Protein backbone atom coordinates (compact mmCIF):
# COMPACT_ATOMS: atom_id res chain seq x y z
CA MET A 1 48.40 -35.34 29.28
CA ALA A 2 44.51 -35.53 30.39
CA ARG A 3 45.37 -31.85 30.98
CA TRP A 4 46.39 -31.02 27.77
CA LEU A 5 43.87 -33.07 25.82
CA LYS A 6 41.05 -30.89 28.07
CA TYR A 7 42.49 -27.37 26.83
CA ILE A 8 43.10 -28.36 23.40
CA LEU A 9 39.47 -29.70 23.46
CA LEU A 10 38.28 -25.87 24.66
CA ALA A 11 40.44 -24.17 21.93
CA LEU A 12 37.98 -26.81 19.53
CA VAL A 13 35.18 -25.57 20.94
CA LEU A 14 36.62 -21.71 21.38
CA GLY A 15 37.61 -22.03 17.45
CA GLY A 16 34.09 -23.00 16.33
CA LEU A 17 32.49 -20.36 18.05
CA ALA A 18 34.22 -18.03 16.56
CA PHE A 19 34.09 -19.32 12.88
CA ALA A 20 30.40 -19.26 13.33
CA ALA A 21 30.12 -15.25 15.03
CA TYR A 22 32.28 -14.06 12.13
CA GLU A 23 29.77 -16.20 9.31
CA ALA A 24 26.46 -15.17 11.21
CA LEU A 25 28.07 -11.57 10.98
CA ARG A 26 30.20 -11.49 7.86
CA PRO A 27 27.52 -9.50 5.31
CA LYS A 28 26.43 -11.78 2.65
CA PRO A 29 26.49 -11.18 -1.84
CA ILE A 30 23.28 -9.99 -2.89
CA PRO A 31 21.70 -12.44 -5.53
CA VAL A 32 21.11 -10.09 -8.60
CA ASP A 33 19.84 -10.76 -12.12
CA ILE A 34 22.86 -10.19 -14.60
CA ALA A 35 22.73 -9.33 -18.80
CA ILE A 36 25.59 -8.32 -20.61
CA VAL A 37 26.21 -5.54 -23.10
CA THR A 38 25.61 -7.45 -26.18
CA THR A 39 25.28 -6.22 -30.22
CA GLY A 40 22.32 -6.45 -32.43
CA PRO A 41 19.66 -5.16 -34.06
CA LEU A 42 17.15 -2.54 -32.72
CA THR A 43 13.81 -1.15 -33.48
CA VAL A 44 12.20 2.03 -32.34
CA THR A 45 8.19 1.64 -32.51
CA VAL A 46 5.00 3.20 -31.97
CA ASP A 47 2.72 1.11 -30.80
CA GLU A 48 -1.10 2.11 -30.67
CA GLU A 49 -4.02 -0.13 -31.52
CA GLY A 50 -6.22 0.09 -34.36
CA ILE A 51 -9.22 -0.88 -36.28
CA ALA A 52 -8.74 -3.24 -40.02
CA GLN A 53 -11.29 -2.31 -42.22
CA TYR A 54 -11.85 -3.17 -45.83
CA ARG A 55 -11.11 -0.41 -48.34
CA ASP A 56 -13.05 -0.40 -50.42
CA VAL A 57 -16.69 0.08 -49.37
CA TYR A 58 -19.76 -0.53 -51.49
CA THR A 59 -23.25 0.39 -50.92
CA VAL A 60 -25.64 -0.42 -53.25
CA SER A 61 -29.69 1.80 -52.48
CA ALA A 62 -32.44 1.83 -53.48
CA PRO A 63 -32.28 3.91 -56.55
CA TYR A 64 -35.92 5.34 -56.08
CA ALA A 65 -38.94 4.39 -53.42
CA ALA A 66 -39.87 1.35 -53.87
CA ARG A 67 -41.45 -2.01 -51.35
CA THR A 68 -38.52 -4.63 -51.37
CA GLU A 69 -39.02 -8.08 -51.23
CA ARG A 70 -37.23 -9.96 -48.24
CA SER A 71 -33.71 -9.93 -48.74
CA PRO A 72 -32.37 -13.05 -49.82
CA LEU A 73 -28.01 -12.18 -48.46
CA HIS A 74 -26.57 -13.10 -44.91
CA VAL A 75 -23.54 -11.50 -43.49
CA GLY A 76 -20.70 -13.10 -45.08
CA ASP A 77 -22.15 -14.31 -48.26
CA ARG A 78 -20.44 -14.01 -51.39
CA LEU A 79 -21.45 -12.36 -54.18
CA VAL A 80 -20.59 -11.39 -58.09
CA ALA A 81 -20.94 -8.82 -60.42
CA ASP A 82 -23.90 -8.53 -62.23
CA ARG A 83 -24.66 -11.78 -61.13
CA SER A 84 -25.40 -12.37 -57.43
CA LEU A 85 -28.85 -10.53 -56.53
CA ILE A 86 -29.11 -7.51 -54.12
CA ALA A 87 -32.77 -6.67 -53.80
CA THR A 88 -35.90 -6.69 -56.04
CA LEU A 89 -37.50 -3.77 -56.28
CA HIS A 90 -41.57 -3.29 -57.25
CA PRO A 91 -44.21 -0.56 -57.29
CA ILE A 92 -45.47 0.71 -53.57
CA ASP A 93 -49.12 0.24 -53.39
CA PRO A 94 -51.32 3.35 -53.33
CA SER A 95 -51.97 4.90 -49.87
CA PHE A 96 -55.41 4.80 -48.72
CA ILE A 97 -57.98 7.16 -49.68
CA ASP A 98 -60.46 8.67 -46.62
CA MET A 99 -64.25 9.26 -46.74
CA ARG A 100 -64.12 13.27 -48.43
CA SER A 101 -61.14 12.44 -50.46
CA GLU A 102 -63.12 9.14 -52.20
CA ARG A 103 -66.74 11.07 -52.19
CA GLU A 104 -64.23 14.31 -54.47
CA LEU A 105 -62.73 11.95 -56.83
CA ALA A 106 -66.00 10.03 -57.26
CA ALA A 107 -67.42 13.04 -58.56
CA ALA A 108 -63.99 13.30 -60.60
CA VAL A 109 -65.04 10.61 -62.19
CA GLY A 110 -68.85 11.21 -62.64
CA VAL A 111 -67.46 14.89 -63.75
CA ALA A 112 -64.87 13.10 -66.46
CA ARG A 113 -68.34 11.14 -67.45
CA ALA A 114 -69.65 13.73 -68.27
CA GLY A 115 -67.24 15.22 -70.42
CA ILE A 116 -66.96 12.36 -72.63
CA GLU A 117 -71.42 12.72 -73.32
CA LEU A 118 -70.28 15.97 -73.70
CA ALA A 119 -67.68 15.64 -75.59
CA GLU A 120 -69.48 12.81 -78.31
CA THR A 121 -72.02 15.07 -79.09
CA ASP A 122 -70.33 17.77 -80.44
CA LEU A 123 -68.20 14.98 -82.46
CA THR A 124 -71.51 14.13 -84.05
CA PHE A 125 -72.57 17.53 -84.03
CA ALA A 126 -68.92 17.35 -86.41
CA ALA A 127 -70.06 14.92 -88.53
CA THR A 128 -73.68 15.36 -89.59
CA ASP A 129 -71.99 19.35 -90.63
CA LEU A 130 -68.81 17.54 -92.66
CA LYS A 131 -71.61 15.36 -94.26
CA GLN A 132 -73.56 18.76 -95.18
CA ALA A 133 -70.96 20.25 -96.30
CA GLU A 134 -69.77 17.91 -98.98
CA SER A 135 -72.89 17.36 -100.13
CA GLU A 136 -72.97 21.05 -101.06
CA LEU A 137 -69.28 20.43 -102.70
CA GLN A 138 -70.89 18.07 -104.67
CA ARG A 139 -73.60 19.98 -105.87
CA ALA A 140 -71.66 23.00 -106.58
CA GLU A 141 -69.10 21.15 -108.82
CA LYS A 142 -72.23 19.94 -110.27
CA LEU A 143 -73.19 23.75 -111.21
CA LYS A 144 -69.52 24.68 -112.25
CA ALA A 145 -69.92 22.19 -115.17
CA THR A 146 -72.60 23.69 -116.73
CA ASN A 147 -71.21 26.77 -115.29
CA ILE A 148 -73.91 28.43 -113.07
CA ILE A 149 -71.77 29.21 -110.44
CA SER A 150 -68.31 30.94 -110.44
CA ALA A 151 -64.82 29.31 -109.60
CA ALA A 152 -64.65 31.47 -106.72
CA ALA A 153 -68.21 30.19 -105.47
CA LEU A 154 -67.03 26.52 -105.89
CA GLU A 155 -63.34 27.54 -103.83
CA ALA A 156 -65.89 28.95 -100.64
CA ALA A 157 -68.03 25.09 -100.71
CA ARG A 158 -63.90 23.63 -101.33
CA THR A 159 -63.40 25.42 -98.17
CA ALA A 160 -65.85 24.53 -96.30
CA VAL A 161 -64.89 21.18 -96.11
CA GLU A 162 -61.66 21.60 -95.00
CA LEU A 163 -62.55 23.51 -92.03
CA LYS A 164 -65.44 20.92 -91.44
CA GLN A 165 -62.88 18.07 -91.36
CA ALA A 166 -60.13 20.14 -89.38
CA ALA A 167 -63.31 20.36 -86.74
CA LEU A 168 -64.58 16.95 -86.95
CA GLN A 169 -60.85 16.23 -85.80
CA ARG A 170 -60.77 17.82 -82.76
CA ALA A 171 -64.42 17.23 -82.00
CA GLU A 172 -63.00 13.39 -82.38
CA ASN A 173 -59.64 14.31 -79.81
CA GLN A 174 -61.91 15.57 -77.86
CA VAL A 175 -63.35 12.79 -77.01
CA ALA A 176 -60.38 10.90 -76.25
CA LEU A 177 -58.63 13.94 -73.55
CA ARG A 178 -62.21 12.87 -72.35
CA GLN A 179 -61.83 9.76 -72.17
CA SER A 180 -58.35 10.24 -70.68
CA GLU A 181 -59.84 12.03 -67.90
CA LEU A 182 -62.32 9.58 -66.79
CA VAL A 183 -59.28 6.56 -66.50
CA SER A 184 -57.00 8.97 -64.80
CA ALA A 185 -59.71 9.96 -62.11
CA GLN A 186 -60.70 6.13 -61.58
CA VAL A 187 -57.13 5.54 -61.46
CA ARG A 188 -57.23 7.47 -58.57
CA LEU A 189 -59.91 5.80 -56.75
CA ILE A 190 -57.62 2.76 -56.63
CA GLN A 191 -57.17 1.55 -53.19
CA PRO A 192 -54.06 -0.65 -51.93
CA ASP A 193 -56.14 -3.56 -51.72
CA ASP A 194 -57.69 -3.02 -55.56
CA ALA A 195 -53.37 -2.98 -56.48
CA PRO A 196 -52.36 -6.22 -58.12
CA SER A 197 -50.47 -9.17 -56.00
CA VAL A 198 -46.21 -10.26 -56.30
CA GLY A 199 -45.88 -11.92 -59.47
CA SER A 200 -48.81 -11.07 -61.18
CA LEU A 201 -48.48 -10.24 -64.92
CA SER A 202 -48.63 -6.44 -64.12
CA ASP A 203 -46.60 -6.31 -61.44
CA ARG A 204 -43.23 -4.64 -62.32
CA CYS A 205 -40.31 -4.88 -60.62
CA VAL A 206 -36.11 -4.32 -60.84
CA PRO A 207 -33.96 -6.66 -60.10
CA LEU A 208 -30.95 -5.06 -58.06
CA LEU A 209 -28.06 -7.07 -58.50
CA SER A 210 -23.96 -6.64 -57.10
CA PRO A 211 -21.79 -3.61 -58.67
CA THR A 212 -18.47 -5.57 -57.93
CA ASP A 213 -17.21 -9.23 -55.78
CA GLY A 214 -17.00 -9.26 -52.55
CA VAL A 215 -18.96 -10.26 -49.58
CA VAL A 216 -21.61 -8.71 -47.81
CA ILE A 217 -20.18 -6.79 -44.86
CA SER A 218 -24.35 -5.54 -43.83
CA VAL A 219 -27.66 -6.08 -44.26
CA PRO A 220 -30.38 -2.92 -43.50
CA VAL A 221 -33.18 -4.70 -44.92
CA GLU A 222 -33.94 -7.13 -44.84
CA SER A 223 -37.52 -7.40 -44.05
CA GLU A 224 -39.80 -7.08 -46.09
CA ALA A 225 -40.30 -2.92 -45.86
CA VAL A 226 -41.44 0.12 -48.25
CA VAL A 227 -38.36 2.05 -48.27
CA PRO A 228 -37.66 5.35 -49.67
CA ALA A 229 -34.90 6.81 -51.93
CA GLY A 230 -31.41 6.75 -51.22
CA THR A 231 -31.80 4.07 -48.43
CA ALA A 232 -29.00 0.84 -47.67
CA LEU A 233 -30.11 -2.21 -48.53
CA ALA A 234 -26.58 -4.08 -48.86
CA GLU A 235 -23.03 -3.16 -47.65
CA ILE A 236 -19.96 -5.10 -50.09
CA GLY A 237 -16.08 -5.19 -49.21
CA ASP A 238 -13.11 -7.01 -50.82
CA PRO A 239 -11.86 -9.29 -48.23
CA ARG A 240 -8.15 -9.03 -49.74
CA ARG A 241 -7.79 -5.40 -50.28
CA LEU A 242 -7.68 -4.25 -46.46
CA GLU A 243 -6.30 -1.25 -44.28
CA VAL A 244 -5.84 -0.51 -41.44
CA VAL A 245 -7.47 3.19 -39.71
CA VAL A 246 -4.97 3.61 -36.12
CA ASP A 247 -5.12 7.22 -34.68
CA LEU A 248 -1.54 8.41 -32.94
CA LEU A 249 -1.08 11.22 -30.95
CA SER A 250 -0.08 14.35 -32.72
CA SER A 251 3.11 14.45 -31.08
CA ASP A 252 4.13 10.82 -32.55
CA ALA A 253 2.30 11.07 -35.84
CA VAL A 254 4.48 14.48 -36.65
CA ARG A 255 7.12 11.39 -36.46
CA VAL A 256 5.93 8.56 -38.69
CA ARG A 257 6.51 8.96 -42.49
CA GLU A 258 5.01 8.03 -45.17
CA GLY A 259 5.66 4.27 -46.10
CA ALA A 260 7.28 3.29 -42.76
CA THR A 261 6.44 -0.23 -42.33
CA ALA A 262 4.98 -1.36 -39.54
CA ILE A 263 4.05 -4.97 -38.06
CA ILE A 264 -0.31 -5.90 -37.28
CA ALA A 265 -0.44 -8.29 -34.41
CA ASP A 266 -2.64 -9.27 -31.21
CA TRP A 267 -6.11 -9.25 -33.51
CA GLY A 268 -5.64 -13.24 -32.87
CA GLY A 269 -3.80 -14.68 -35.79
CA PRO A 270 -0.27 -14.15 -36.91
CA ASP A 271 1.97 -11.12 -37.94
CA LEU A 272 1.80 -8.76 -41.15
CA THR A 273 2.90 -6.54 -42.35
CA ALA A 274 2.13 -2.98 -43.90
CA LYS A 275 3.73 -0.20 -44.71
CA VAL A 276 1.51 3.49 -44.21
CA ARG A 277 -0.28 4.84 -47.10
CA ARG A 278 -1.40 8.65 -45.38
CA ILE A 279 -0.76 10.31 -42.22
CA GLU A 280 -3.73 12.60 -42.46
CA PRO A 281 -2.90 16.55 -42.03
CA THR A 282 -6.26 17.24 -39.70
CA ALA A 283 -6.52 15.58 -36.29
CA PHE A 284 -9.49 15.68 -33.92
CA THR A 285 -9.89 15.90 -30.46
CA LYS A 286 -10.41 12.57 -27.89
CA VAL A 287 -11.10 11.62 -24.90
CA SER A 288 -9.23 9.61 -23.29
CA ALA A 289 -10.66 7.19 -20.58
CA LEU A 290 -8.93 9.16 -17.69
CA GLY A 291 -11.19 11.94 -18.67
CA ILE A 292 -7.94 13.70 -20.86
CA GLU A 293 -8.50 15.44 -24.37
CA GLU A 294 -6.35 14.29 -27.12
CA GLN A 295 -5.32 15.71 -30.04
CA ARG A 296 -5.39 12.46 -32.08
CA VAL A 297 -3.95 11.89 -35.50
CA ASN A 298 -5.60 9.04 -38.07
CA VAL A 299 -2.30 7.14 -39.94
CA ARG A 300 -3.87 5.13 -42.88
CA LEU A 301 -1.91 2.12 -43.29
CA ASP A 302 -2.05 -0.85 -46.25
CA MET A 303 -1.66 -4.10 -45.55
CA ASP A 304 1.21 -5.97 -48.01
CA PRO A 305 -0.41 -8.44 -50.18
CA THR A 306 0.13 -12.13 -49.40
CA ASP A 307 -1.76 -15.45 -51.35
CA ALA A 308 -5.99 -16.72 -49.96
CA GLU A 309 -4.07 -19.36 -47.53
CA THR A 310 -3.35 -16.65 -45.12
CA PRO A 311 -5.36 -15.03 -42.80
CA LEU A 312 -6.38 -12.23 -42.23
CA PRO A 313 -8.45 -10.26 -40.24
CA GLY A 314 -12.04 -9.03 -41.11
CA HIS A 315 -13.31 -5.48 -41.36
CA ARG A 316 -13.85 -3.45 -37.95
CA TYR A 317 -11.62 -6.06 -35.55
CA ARG A 318 -9.63 -4.90 -33.44
CA VAL A 319 -5.55 -5.19 -34.01
CA PHE A 320 -2.22 -4.26 -32.82
CA VAL A 321 0.02 -1.94 -34.51
CA ARG A 322 3.52 -1.40 -34.19
CA ILE A 323 5.41 1.59 -36.87
CA ALA A 324 8.52 1.79 -37.09
CA LEU A 325 10.66 4.67 -36.07
CA TRP A 326 14.43 4.04 -36.64
CA GLN A 327 15.78 0.65 -36.84
CA ALA A 328 19.32 -0.53 -37.12
CA ASP A 329 21.03 -3.85 -38.20
CA ALA A 330 23.75 -3.75 -35.01
CA VAL A 331 24.14 -1.81 -32.10
CA ARG A 332 25.17 -1.58 -28.61
CA ARG A 333 22.24 -2.36 -26.68
CA VAL A 334 21.16 -2.26 -22.97
CA PRO A 335 18.52 -3.31 -20.98
CA LEU A 336 15.99 -0.98 -19.81
CA GLY A 337 16.08 -2.92 -16.94
CA ALA A 338 19.45 -1.93 -15.67
CA LEU A 339 18.88 1.68 -16.40
CA PHE A 340 17.71 4.32 -13.82
CA ARG A 341 17.99 8.10 -13.62
CA SER A 342 20.44 10.17 -11.41
CA GLY A 343 19.82 13.50 -11.74
CA ASP A 344 20.36 14.50 -15.17
CA ALA A 345 22.66 11.21 -16.45
CA TRP A 346 21.73 7.36 -17.31
CA ASN A 347 23.63 5.12 -14.65
CA VAL A 348 23.99 1.72 -14.78
CA TYR A 349 25.21 -1.30 -11.91
CA VAL A 350 27.77 -2.66 -13.18
CA VAL A 351 29.42 -6.54 -12.11
CA GLU A 352 33.09 -6.13 -11.05
CA ASP A 353 35.22 -8.51 -9.71
CA GLY A 354 32.14 -9.62 -8.02
CA ARG A 355 30.18 -6.24 -6.49
CA ALA A 356 28.02 -3.78 -7.89
CA VAL A 357 30.47 -0.52 -9.29
CA ILE A 358 28.10 2.71 -10.40
CA ARG A 359 28.11 4.06 -14.25
CA ILE A 360 27.85 6.64 -16.46
CA VAL A 361 25.32 6.07 -19.41
CA ASP A 362 24.46 8.12 -22.91
CA ILE A 363 21.57 6.51 -24.70
CA ASP A 364 20.34 7.27 -27.12
CA HIS A 365 17.54 5.24 -29.01
CA ARG A 366 14.81 2.96 -27.07
CA ASP A 367 11.90 0.16 -27.72
CA ASP A 368 10.28 -1.10 -24.98
CA ALA A 369 12.85 -3.77 -24.24
CA MET A 370 16.60 -1.95 -25.07
CA ALA A 371 18.56 0.79 -25.19
CA GLU A 372 20.81 2.22 -27.03
CA LEU A 373 24.13 2.57 -25.75
CA ARG A 374 26.07 4.85 -26.85
CA ASP A 375 28.56 5.43 -24.48
CA GLY A 376 30.23 4.49 -20.65
CA LEU A 377 30.11 0.33 -21.01
CA PRO A 378 31.97 -1.65 -23.54
CA GLN A 379 30.17 -4.67 -25.26
CA GLY A 380 29.92 -7.36 -23.27
CA ALA A 381 30.24 -5.73 -19.89
CA ARG A 382 27.58 -7.13 -17.21
CA VAL A 383 24.76 -5.09 -15.85
CA ILE A 384 22.64 -5.73 -13.00
CA LEU A 385 19.08 -5.67 -13.70
CA PHE A 386 16.14 -3.55 -11.98
CA PRO A 387 19.00 -3.55 -9.66
CA SER A 388 16.62 -2.94 -5.31
CA ASP A 389 17.09 -0.89 -3.24
CA SER A 390 19.55 -2.51 -1.63
CA VAL A 391 22.27 -2.43 -4.69
CA THR A 392 24.40 0.58 -3.50
CA ASP A 393 27.89 1.13 -4.95
CA GLY A 394 30.85 -0.79 -3.70
CA VAL A 395 28.10 -3.52 -2.45
CA SER A 396 28.87 -7.15 -3.12
CA VAL A 397 26.04 -9.07 -5.45
CA VAL A 398 25.54 -13.25 -6.38
CA SER A 399 24.35 -13.94 -10.51
CA ARG A 400 21.28 -16.09 -10.04
CA ASP A 401 22.17 -16.40 -14.20
CA VAL A 402 23.67 -15.26 -16.66
CA ASP A 403 21.42 -13.78 -20.02
CA ALA A 404 23.06 -14.04 -23.29
CA LEU A 405 20.82 -11.04 -24.94
């Protein structure tokens, strides 16, 4: 009996060792991530960074050369059309006069004063001649009354009076002309320190008012300064009228259509919707971060109307744009992570009876996560995501978890 017990114990030990060896040498299933082929919406987009900016920007410029006061504006101030002050323009102070020019102008003042004296002398002569001609006319009229002189002599006396009156008027005009020349010469002698101060009654100023409602985008000239004509004094825009400009590769731009919908995201606020308004017909060359020259095309999108409480990006904010190229509400979808190339065909690993089986599939449209499955797998098929090199056709696999997509 003891001998049989010994044999039984030896058999159990040998059986346990054999089972342990079998478990150690038996291939174990490879743990994999599994997804399910489902039906759902799919949208194909072209994604690119863009710039949000105010659609209508008004630049208020100086209409003529002037001296501006310190700007009352700050970036972000709200303006009301025809009421809010942009800038106040004052006449420019006269320039400095060097010694040579000053002496020349002083001499011109002396010439003008001498001209006035000469014109006043001529005026005195003209007044005396007119007085004498009027006296002779009176005597001629008395003599004609007694028929001592002829009518022709009387007419000659009257003509002489008219000529003397014209000469007197001419002399008076000459005096006024010389006086104006004197004033002009004296004005040219004014130095900057002699100019009227700001706020005096003789100082003329012109206020520039905002041409539209909006907010101040920039104030190029903040301090008091002398600006030439055409200098930008302020930029104004409407924060509720936004557009987005995105430059796409020309190969992507040809696939975009006017009126296509887009999503504006990653700007710091909620996602917003927009529509493509214009695809510019001219491309431009842009060097990428890798130093490659690319042909880019500007695409302009209009933001869809929103209520006043919805936050919007500001002027020249960076945004991320997703423009829809194609979309469908119900298509069979397979995750992109399950696809891999083998030759010219797309393949996936399907889980059947606990083993990985390779299948050739036909796909069409793709987004950044899914691909449209046209043929090769039925709905509900289980596929392996991101198969590693250890996953081969027929190998035993086990699921970590199942995600319904």
